[in-house]
Structures are given as structure tokens and as C-alpha cells.
Amino acid sequence: MSEHIIGIILNGVTGRMGARQHLERSIVAIMKDGGILLPSGNRIVIDPLLVGRNPNKLRQLAETYGIPKWTTDLDCALSDPNYQIYFDSQTTALRVPALTKAINAGKHVYCEKPVALDLSSALELAKLARIRGVKNGVVQDKLFLPGFRKLRRVIDSEELGRLLAVRADFGYWVFERGDEGGLQRPSWNYRREDGGGIILDMFCHWRYLLDNLFGDVTSVCCIGAIHIPERYDEFDRKYPCTAEDAAYALFQLEGNVIAQFNSSWATRVRREDLFVLQVDGTDGSAVSTLRDCWVQPSSATPRAIWDPDSPHREDYFSGWLLLPDRAKPDNAFRLQWEMFIKHVVADTPFPWDLLEGAKGVQLAELAMLSWRERRWVDVPPLNEF
């Protein structure tokens, strides 16, 4: 058995998502387990380099996780030939310039979504990566969550029959100020000028979920809203919200499947999870949360009768089969990290590249157009660029 050392530059992991999911639960977890074992018996060992703008935060992260190397100089990091992969989880507005530098430096790139603020920039990144011949990938974490992996198995089994419709509710109440427990989301999320807005943030997720589970998105009709017009930032200063905190959308998919998604940071939760998705088919239905999936086949479907004058209430949660875990669920971010690292080292498949990431930006851009013009908008294919 031999070891293959892969150097990874991690830029932007001082933020909450970057630190918890990408650093602690993915990179550090892989390192604690001794790396990634290949079928050949060889092992991939990670050598991380933390990069960011705040030296105090970088130093604290490095000490917490026992990572000896960190720097605030991105150019210096990119010039080091010992680091073959560049990862970016900065705010969206900073992503394109940094990814462009990394690609031009010959680094393989992996990044959070959205990959860019607009479709044109996202496509330029994909083109540049192809021209430079670097491998590239975009985080599509929800595909690797236990609930949606179970749902994938149900759909592939065809036990739902012909798919008819998808309905999803996502969101929770984000308090206007962080005086009790801190801000739940950074203030830039609510400023259009800083790349904020729930459409750009979440429709990138909805695109890859819809495309991969149910069929390619062919058109969109969307309306957004700024329900909370003023919030307080990290320094408890009031500011006007210029980006939407909720969006209500219909999507048409291949095969005449209709999808309805409500996305809101101004809603209170009375459902199984912060994100619940139901798919209905001719032979059954399935409901998925982030971790669980329930199925109700036609044979177990109750005969519902509309009778608002009757005091009796059916237990509509009974009659659903909870699918078991076949194995202990792994962290969704870690699973995709391991796939991308093996893609770079061993050339194993990794379909979620920058072009796939651009599709998410495209859907967000067209949803915004639909909102502005109050109409259905077609979603053309991005197979060629």
C-alpha cells in the first residue's frame, strides 16, 4: 500500500457552513480516519491549507483542528505546486475572481454554490476550466442526504408509477436581529447588492434536486417577496432589506411533471423538518425530509371523503411506511468531498461540474425574470457553451 498526498487550499472556511460542514465534518473527519482508501489499496492523504481574510479566525481554526498551515495571501497559496485542489466557500460575490485565479494557476477547483452572481459569469468559469484542462466540481449536498438517497431508490424502483407532481416546503423564521442567540443568517443574505436573496441561494439547490430526481426543468413561474423590510446586521445596526426573503415557484419538468416549491425565511415550521418534499405518482406517493423518507402505495391509500361538517378527523400520518436506514448515514458534504478527491486522484466519475453549477444560476436568473415580468419563462438547455 502506498500513500498519495493531495494538497487542498480551503478558502472561506471561517464562515459557519465552511467551518462546520466542509472543514470539521469533511476534511478533518477524513484526516482523522487516515484519508481515503482506494480500491487498489492505496490511500489518499490530505494536506490542507487554510486561506481567508481574517488572520485571527484562521489562527483559531488552525489551532482547533490541528492544521499547521494557513495564510491570508491567496496568490501565494495558488503559486505553491504542492496544492493541487482549490476549494471556495466564500460569499458568492467573491467567488468568480478567486476561482478564475485558481483555474489560471492550473488548480483543480471545487466550490460552493451559487458559482456566480449571474449566468454569464458562471458559463465563463466553465469555459475557462475546460480550456485550461482542470477538473472541476460544485457542491450538490442535498443529493447525498439520507432522505433524498432513499427517495432516489424509491423512484428508481418505479413503485410510484408515473410521476405526476412534486411539492416542497422549505424555510423557517429568521429573526430580524440577533440579540438572543446571534444572527441565524448573515446580513448580506438580505442585500441584493451583496449577492443576497433566497432565489439565488436556494434555487441552485432546487435545480439539481429536480433535474436529478424527477426530470430536467423546462420552465418556471415565480414570485418573490420581501416580507421583512428591515433587519439588523452583525453590529446591531438597522438596514433596509433589498433582496427577497421568500419565493413561491412553479416548475414544469420533463414528462409533464409539475413541481411547486415554497421557499421562505419568514415562515414558522409545523412539519416534519425544515425541508419537506412530497412526490405523487399514479401508483403511490413518497415524502422525504433531510434524513427520512415515507412511502404510501396505492394499496395502502385511504379513501378520503370531503366532509367539513363531521367532527371525526382522520390520522393522515398513518398508513405511511418509514423506510429504514440500510447503513449508518454519512455526512452529505463528506461523501461528495471524497468523490471529488477520488475524481482528481484516480479519475473516477464526477458529473457535478461547473456547467451543472451554472444550471442552478440559470434557474435563479430566469425565476427573477419571471417575477419581474409576471410570466412563465422557458429554461433552455445548457449542454453546449
Protein backbone atom coordinates (compact mmCIF):
# COMPACT_ATOMS: atom_id res chain seq x y z
CA MET A 1 0.00 0.00 0.00
CA SER A 2 1.26 3.48 -0.86
CA GLU A 3 0.08 6.97 0.10
CA HIS A 4 -0.84 9.75 -2.33
CA ILE A 5 -0.67 13.19 -0.69
CA ILE A 6 -3.14 15.70 -2.12
CA GLY A 7 -2.78 19.36 -1.15
CA ILE A 8 -6.08 21.27 -0.80
CA ILE A 9 -6.42 25.04 -0.46
CA LEU A 10 -9.56 25.84 1.56
CA ASN A 11 -10.72 29.42 1.07
CA GLY A 12 -13.65 30.80 3.04
CA VAL A 13 -14.00 28.11 5.69
CA THR A 14 -14.08 30.68 8.50
CA GLY A 15 -17.83 31.04 7.90
CA ARG A 16 -20.40 28.84 9.66
CA MET A 17 -21.11 26.48 6.76
CA GLY A 18 -17.50 26.29 5.65
CA ALA A 19 -16.17 25.58 9.13
CA ARG A 20 -18.80 23.05 10.23
CA GLN A 21 -19.56 21.11 7.08
CA HIS A 22 -16.54 21.43 4.81
CA LEU A 23 -13.71 21.68 7.33
CA GLU A 24 -14.80 19.89 10.52
CA ARG A 25 -17.21 17.25 9.18
CA SER A 26 -15.50 16.60 5.85
CA ILE A 27 -11.78 17.40 5.57
CA VAL A 28 -10.87 16.98 9.25
CA ALA A 29 -13.07 13.88 9.55
CA ILE A 30 -11.36 12.30 6.53
CA MET A 31 -7.95 13.14 8.01
CA LYS A 32 -8.90 11.57 11.36
CA ASP A 33 -9.88 8.39 9.53
CA GLY A 34 -6.48 8.23 7.86
CA GLY A 35 -7.50 9.52 4.45
CA ILE A 36 -9.43 7.91 1.61
CA LEU A 37 -8.82 4.27 0.74
CA LEU A 38 -8.85 3.44 -2.98
CA PRO A 39 -9.92 0.04 -4.39
CA SER A 40 -6.26 -0.56 -5.30
CA GLY A 41 -5.37 -0.48 -1.61
CA ASN A 42 -3.57 2.84 -1.94
CA ARG A 43 -4.59 5.69 0.34
CA ILE A 44 -5.15 9.40 -0.36
CA VAL A 45 -3.84 11.62 2.43
CA ILE A 46 -4.98 15.26 2.67
CA ASP A 47 -2.63 18.19 3.29
CA PRO A 48 -4.89 21.22 3.94
CA LEU A 49 -4.00 24.90 3.68
CA LEU A 50 -6.48 27.38 5.16
CA VAL A 51 -6.93 30.72 3.37
CA GLY A 52 -9.03 33.71 4.37
CA ARG A 53 -9.08 37.43 5.05
CA ASN A 54 -9.20 37.33 8.86
CA PRO A 55 -5.94 36.08 10.44
CA ASN A 56 -7.48 35.77 13.90
CA LYS A 57 -10.23 33.45 12.67
CA LEU A 58 -7.74 31.43 10.62
CA ARG A 59 -5.41 31.04 13.58
CA GLN A 60 -8.29 29.92 15.80
CA LEU A 61 -9.48 27.35 13.25
CA ALA A 62 -5.96 26.05 12.73
CA GLU A 63 -5.47 25.59 16.47
CA THR A 64 -8.88 24.00 16.97
CA TYR A 65 -8.38 21.36 14.28
CA GLY A 66 -4.62 20.92 14.43
CA ILE A 67 -3.95 22.29 10.96
CA PRO A 68 -0.49 23.85 10.85
CA LYS A 69 -0.74 25.78 7.58
CA TRP A 70 -2.80 28.91 6.97
CA THR A 71 -2.35 32.23 5.15
CA THR A 72 -4.17 35.40 4.16
CA ASP A 73 -2.24 35.52 0.87
CA LEU A 74 -4.32 33.67 -1.76
CA ASP A 75 -1.85 34.40 -4.57
CA CYS A 76 0.97 32.83 -2.59
CA ALA A 77 -1.14 29.76 -1.86
CA LEU A 78 -2.07 29.35 -5.52
CA SER A 79 1.58 29.55 -6.56
CA ASP A 80 2.51 26.54 -4.41
CA PRO A 81 2.74 23.38 -6.61
CA ASN A 82 2.15 21.14 -3.59
CA TYR A 83 -1.51 22.13 -3.57
CA GLN A 84 -3.47 20.67 -6.47
CA ILE A 85 -7.06 21.49 -5.43
CA TYR A 86 -8.61 24.87 -4.69
CA PHE A 87 -11.90 24.96 -2.76
CA ASP A 88 -14.05 28.09 -2.41
CA SER A 89 -16.85 28.70 0.10
CA GLN A 90 -16.59 32.48 0.26
CA THR A 91 -19.59 34.73 -0.25
CA THR A 92 -20.90 34.50 -3.80
CA ALA A 93 -19.69 37.95 -4.81
CA LEU A 94 -16.05 36.91 -4.18
CA ARG A 95 -16.21 33.50 -5.86
CA VAL A 96 -15.68 34.24 -9.56
CA PRO A 97 -12.43 36.25 -9.20
CA ALA A 98 -10.91 33.66 -6.85
CA LEU A 99 -11.95 30.67 -8.98
CA THR A 100 -10.60 32.40 -12.09
CA LYS A 101 -7.23 32.86 -10.39
CA ALA A 102 -7.18 29.25 -9.27
CA ILE A 103 -8.08 27.86 -12.70
CA ASN A 104 -5.45 30.03 -14.38
CA ALA A 105 -2.95 28.72 -11.82
CA GLY A 106 -3.75 25.20 -13.04
CA LYS A 107 -5.59 24.10 -9.91
CA HIS A 108 -8.49 21.67 -9.95
CA VAL A 109 -11.42 23.58 -8.43
CA TYR A 110 -14.32 22.62 -6.19
CA CYS A 111 -16.74 25.23 -4.88
CA GLU A 112 -19.94 26.02 -3.09
CA LYS A 113 -22.97 27.31 -4.88
CA PRO A 114 -24.06 29.61 -6.35
CA VAL A 115 -20.94 29.51 -8.52
CA ALA A 116 -21.57 33.10 -9.66
CA LEU A 117 -23.98 36.01 -9.37
CA ASP A 118 -25.10 35.66 -12.99
CA LEU A 119 -25.26 33.02 -15.70
CA SER A 120 -22.76 34.71 -18.00
CA SER A 121 -20.04 34.61 -15.34
CA ALA A 122 -20.88 31.03 -14.42
CA LEU A 123 -20.56 29.91 -18.04
CA GLU A 124 -17.27 31.78 -18.43
CA LEU A 125 -15.88 29.82 -15.48
CA ALA A 126 -16.98 26.53 -17.03
CA LYS A 127 -15.41 27.51 -20.35
CA LEU A 128 -12.15 28.54 -18.70
CA ALA A 129 -11.92 25.27 -16.78
CA ARG A 130 -12.41 23.31 -20.00
CA ILE A 131 -9.80 25.35 -21.85
CA ARG A 132 -7.28 25.01 -19.03
CA GLY A 133 -8.00 21.30 -18.68
CA VAL A 134 -8.62 21.33 -14.93
CA LYS A 135 -11.11 19.11 -13.15
CA ASN A 136 -13.94 20.97 -11.51
CA GLY A 137 -16.94 20.37 -9.30
CA VAL A 138 -19.74 22.13 -7.47
CA VAL A 139 -21.26 21.14 -4.12
CA GLN A 140 -24.67 19.47 -4.59
CA ASP A 141 -25.02 18.33 -1.00
CA LYS A 142 -28.74 17.59 -0.80
CA LEU A 143 -28.39 14.76 -3.30
CA PHE A 144 -26.28 12.97 -0.68
CA LEU A 145 -28.60 13.47 2.28
CA PRO A 146 -30.13 10.25 3.68
CA GLY A 147 -33.72 11.25 2.98
CA PHE A 148 -33.15 12.03 -0.69
CA ARG A 149 -30.93 8.99 -1.23
CA LYS A 150 -33.85 6.86 -0.01
CA LEU A 151 -36.21 8.81 -2.25
CA ARG A 152 -33.88 8.15 -5.18
CA ARG A 153 -34.15 4.41 -4.53
CA VAL A 154 -37.95 4.61 -4.40
CA ILE A 155 -38.13 6.48 -7.70
CA ASP A 156 -35.67 4.12 -9.39
CA SER A 157 -37.76 1.14 -8.26
CA GLU A 158 -40.71 2.60 -10.23
CA GLU A 159 -43.07 1.68 -7.39
CA LEU A 160 -44.61 5.18 -7.55
CA GLY A 161 -45.66 4.60 -11.15
CA ARG A 162 -45.78 7.56 -13.50
CA LEU A 163 -44.74 10.69 -11.63
CA LEU A 164 -47.37 13.42 -11.52
CA ALA A 165 -46.33 16.24 -9.24
CA VAL A 166 -43.79 17.39 -6.66
CA ARG A 167 -44.50 19.73 -3.76
CA ALA A 168 -41.89 21.13 -1.39
CA ASP A 169 -41.85 23.45 1.60
CA PHE A 170 -38.55 24.91 2.76
CA GLY A 171 -37.78 27.52 5.37
CA TYR A 172 -38.02 28.77 8.92
CA TRP A 173 -38.37 32.02 10.80
CA VAL A 174 -35.18 34.09 10.69
CA PHE A 175 -35.35 36.69 13.45
CA GLU A 176 -34.84 40.30 12.49
CA ARG A 177 -31.99 40.79 14.95
CA GLY A 178 -29.51 38.59 16.75
CA ASP A 179 -29.96 39.85 20.30
CA GLU A 180 -30.94 36.38 21.54
CA GLY A 181 -28.57 33.69 20.30
CA GLY A 182 -26.93 35.61 17.45
CA LEU A 183 -27.93 36.04 13.82
CA GLN A 184 -29.26 32.90 12.16
CA ARG A 185 -28.14 34.09 8.74
CA PRO A 186 -25.55 36.73 7.71
CA SER A 187 -26.91 40.15 6.87
CA TRP A 188 -25.62 40.07 3.29
CA ASN A 189 -28.27 37.40 2.57
CA TYR A 190 -30.85 40.20 2.57
CA ARG A 191 -28.97 42.70 0.40
CA ARG A 192 -29.29 42.34 -3.36
CA GLU A 193 -26.16 44.43 -3.92
CA ASP A 194 -24.10 41.89 -1.95
CA GLY A 195 -25.43 38.84 -3.79
CA GLY A 196 -28.24 38.08 -1.34
CA GLY A 197 -31.75 36.77 -1.86
CA ILE A 198 -33.41 33.41 -1.32
CA ILE A 199 -33.89 32.82 -5.05
CA LEU A 200 -30.19 32.83 -5.91
CA ASP A 201 -29.37 30.98 -2.69
CA MET A 202 -31.93 28.18 -2.83
CA PHE A 203 -32.95 27.76 -6.49
CA CYS A 204 -29.45 26.41 -7.19
CA HIS A 205 -30.39 23.58 -4.81
CA TRP A 206 -33.83 23.11 -6.32
CA ARG A 207 -32.36 22.85 -9.81
CA TYR A 208 -30.07 19.91 -9.10
CA LEU A 209 -32.70 18.16 -6.97
CA LEU A 210 -35.35 18.45 -9.67
CA ASP A 211 -33.02 17.56 -12.54
CA ASN A 212 -31.50 14.55 -10.80
CA LEU A 213 -34.60 13.12 -9.11
CA PHE A 214 -37.60 13.94 -11.29
CA GLY A 215 -36.61 15.34 -14.68
CA ASP A 216 -34.98 18.38 -16.24
CA VAL A 217 -36.63 21.74 -15.52
CA THR A 218 -38.15 23.15 -18.72
CA SER A 219 -39.93 26.30 -17.48
CA VAL A 220 -40.50 28.37 -14.36
CA CYS A 221 -43.08 30.76 -12.96
CA CYS A 222 -42.05 32.58 -9.80
CA ILE A 223 -42.96 35.43 -7.49
CA GLY A 224 -40.68 36.70 -4.75
CA ALA A 225 -41.36 38.88 -1.73
CA ILE A 226 -39.54 41.00 0.83
CA HIS A 227 -41.77 40.15 3.77
CA ILE A 228 -39.48 41.69 6.42
CA PRO A 229 -38.39 45.10 5.05
CA GLU A 230 -35.80 45.92 7.75
CA ARG A 231 -33.33 43.81 9.72
CA TYR A 232 -30.31 44.31 11.98
CA ASP A 233 -26.78 43.38 10.96
CA GLU A 234 -23.89 41.78 12.85
CA PHE A 235 -23.26 45.05 14.69
CA ASP A 236 -26.95 45.52 15.58
CA ARG A 237 -27.36 48.30 13.02
CA LYS A 238 -30.70 48.57 11.25
CA TYR A 239 -30.56 48.23 7.46
CA PRO A 240 -33.15 48.03 4.65
CA CYS A 241 -33.63 44.62 3.01
CA THR A 242 -33.16 44.87 -0.74
CA ALA A 243 -33.31 41.13 -1.52
CA GLU A 244 -36.28 38.80 -1.22
CA ASP A 245 -36.69 36.61 1.86
CA ALA A 246 -39.34 34.37 0.26
CA ALA A 247 -40.15 32.92 -3.16
CA TYR A 248 -43.07 30.89 -4.45
CA ALA A 249 -42.45 28.99 -7.66
CA LEU A 250 -43.93 26.52 -10.12
CA PHE A 251 -41.65 24.43 -12.33
CA GLN A 252 -42.55 22.36 -15.36
CA LEU A 253 -40.35 19.28 -15.76
CA GLU A 254 -39.73 16.72 -18.43
CA GLY A 255 -42.53 14.19 -18.67
CA ASN A 256 -45.19 16.80 -17.78
CA VAL A 257 -44.33 16.63 -14.08
CA ILE A 258 -45.33 19.80 -12.17
CA ALA A 259 -43.30 20.96 -9.17
CA GLN A 260 -44.32 23.58 -6.61
CA PHE A 261 -41.71 24.97 -4.21
CA ASN A 262 -42.29 27.42 -1.37
CA SER A 263 -39.04 28.89 -0.01
CA SER A 264 -39.14 31.30 2.92
CA TRP A 265 -37.08 32.78 5.71
CA ALA A 266 -40.29 34.29 7.11
CA THR A 267 -42.34 31.21 7.98
CA ARG A 268 -42.85 29.22 11.16
CA VAL A 269 -42.39 25.47 10.98
CA ARG A 270 -45.21 22.98 11.54
CA ARG A 271 -43.98 19.99 9.55
CA GLU A 272 -41.53 17.13 10.00
CA ASP A 273 -38.42 19.13 9.08
CA LEU A 274 -37.17 22.46 7.74
CA PHE A 275 -37.43 20.97 4.26
CA VAL A 276 -40.18 18.52 3.32
CA LEU A 277 -40.76 17.25 -0.22
CA GLN A 278 -43.66 15.13 -1.47
CA VAL A 279 -43.85 13.39 -4.84
CA ASP A 280 -47.10 11.87 -6.10
CA GLY A 281 -47.35 9.16 -8.71
CA THR A 282 -50.07 7.00 -10.22
CA ASP A 283 -49.13 4.02 -8.03
CA GLY A 284 -48.02 5.70 -4.84
CA SER A 285 -46.56 8.74 -3.10
CA ALA A 286 -43.39 9.46 -1.14
CA VAL A 287 -42.47 12.14 1.37
CA SER A 288 -38.86 12.98 2.09
CA THR A 289 -37.15 15.12 4.70
CA LEU A 290 -33.43 15.66 5.05
CA ARG A 291 -32.99 12.31 6.81
CA ASP A 292 -36.17 10.26 6.38
CA CYS A 293 -38.48 9.02 3.65
CA TRP A 294 -42.02 7.63 3.88
CA VAL A 295 -43.94 5.80 1.16
CA GLN A 296 -47.68 5.18 0.70
CA PRO A 297 -48.53 2.74 -2.12
CA SER A 298 -51.94 2.64 -3.81
CA SER A 299 -52.88 -0.45 -1.78
CA ALA A 300 -52.48 1.50 1.47
CA THR A 301 -54.04 4.76 0.31
CA PRO A 302 -57.17 5.61 2.36
CA ARG A 303 -60.36 6.67 0.61
CA ALA A 304 -60.59 10.31 1.66
CA ILE A 305 -64.05 11.92 1.70
CA TRP A 306 -64.61 15.66 1.99
CA ASP A 307 -66.95 16.23 4.92
CA PRO A 308 -66.31 19.52 6.73
CA ASP A 309 -69.36 19.01 8.99
CA SER A 310 -68.05 15.81 10.57
CA PRO A 311 -66.15 16.09 13.89
CA HIS A 312 -64.12 12.98 13.08
CA ARG A 313 -60.56 13.63 11.92
CA GLU A 314 -58.54 11.05 10.06
CA ASP A 315 -54.96 10.36 11.08
CA TYR A 316 -53.41 11.12 7.72
CA PHE A 317 -49.95 10.27 9.02
CA SER A 318 -50.88 6.61 9.50
CA GLY A 319 -50.61 4.29 6.54
CA TRP A 320 -47.18 5.61 5.54
CA LEU A 321 -44.18 3.26 5.60
CA LEU A 322 -40.98 4.72 7.05
CA LEU A 323 -38.04 3.43 5.06
CA PRO A 324 -35.21 2.04 7.21
CA ASP A 325 -31.58 3.12 7.10
CA ARG A 326 -29.61 0.44 5.27
CA ALA A 327 -26.42 1.70 6.87
CA LYS A 328 -25.30 4.47 9.19
CA PRO A 329 -25.74 7.70 7.18
CA ASP A 330 -22.54 9.55 6.30
CA ASN A 331 -22.28 13.32 6.18
CA ALA A 332 -23.55 14.53 2.79
CA PHE A 333 -20.73 17.04 2.33
CA ARG A 334 -18.08 14.46 3.20
CA LEU A 335 -19.50 11.95 0.72
CA GLN A 336 -19.22 14.42 -2.13
CA TRP A 337 -15.78 15.60 -0.99
CA GLU A 338 -14.50 12.04 -1.15
CA MET A 339 -15.98 11.62 -4.62
CA PHE A 340 -14.30 14.79 -5.90
CA ILE A 341 -10.91 13.95 -4.38
CA LYS A 342 -11.03 10.48 -5.96
CA HIS A 343 -12.06 12.13 -9.23
CA VAL A 344 -8.88 14.24 -9.14
CA VAL A 345 -6.52 11.49 -8.00
CA ALA A 346 -7.99 8.36 -9.60
CA ASP A 347 -10.08 9.88 -12.43
CA THR A 348 -13.31 8.32 -11.15
CA PRO A 349 -16.57 9.89 -12.43
CA PHE A 350 -17.86 13.16 -11.01
CA PRO A 351 -20.79 14.59 -13.00
CA TRP A 352 -21.48 17.74 -10.96
CA ASP A 353 -19.11 20.15 -12.68
CA LEU A 354 -19.16 23.92 -13.16
CA LEU A 355 -21.62 23.57 -16.04
CA GLU A 356 -24.03 21.78 -13.69
CA GLY A 357 -23.48 24.61 -11.23
CA ALA A 358 -24.28 27.13 -13.95
CA LYS A 359 -27.68 25.47 -14.41
CA GLY A 360 -28.60 26.49 -10.88
CA VAL A 361 -27.62 30.11 -11.56
CA GLN A 362 -29.60 29.96 -14.80
CA LEU A 363 -32.76 28.85 -12.98
CA ALA A 364 -32.38 31.60 -10.37
CA GLU A 365 -31.85 34.20 -13.09
CA LEU A 366 -34.91 33.06 -15.05
CA ALA A 367 -37.01 32.92 -11.88
CA MET A 368 -36.09 36.55 -11.21
CA LEU A 369 -37.10 37.40 -14.79
CA SER A 370 -40.42 35.62 -14.28
CA TRP A 371 -41.02 37.65 -11.11
CA ARG A 372 -40.18 40.95 -12.82
CA GLU A 373 -42.32 40.28 -15.89
CA ARG A 374 -45.02 38.25 -14.11
CA ARG A 375 -44.99 35.38 -16.62
CA TRP A 376 -43.83 31.80 -17.35
CA VAL A 377 -40.25 31.63 -18.64
CA ASP A 378 -38.74 28.70 -20.58
CA VAL A 379 -35.47 27.17 -19.35
CA PRO A 380 -33.29 26.36 -22.39
CA PRO A 381 -30.68 23.56 -22.18
CA LEU A 382 -27.07 24.42 -21.31
CA ASN A 383 -25.48 21.35 -22.84
CA GLU A 384 -23.32 23.41 -25.19
CA PHE A 385 -21.41 26.61 -24.44
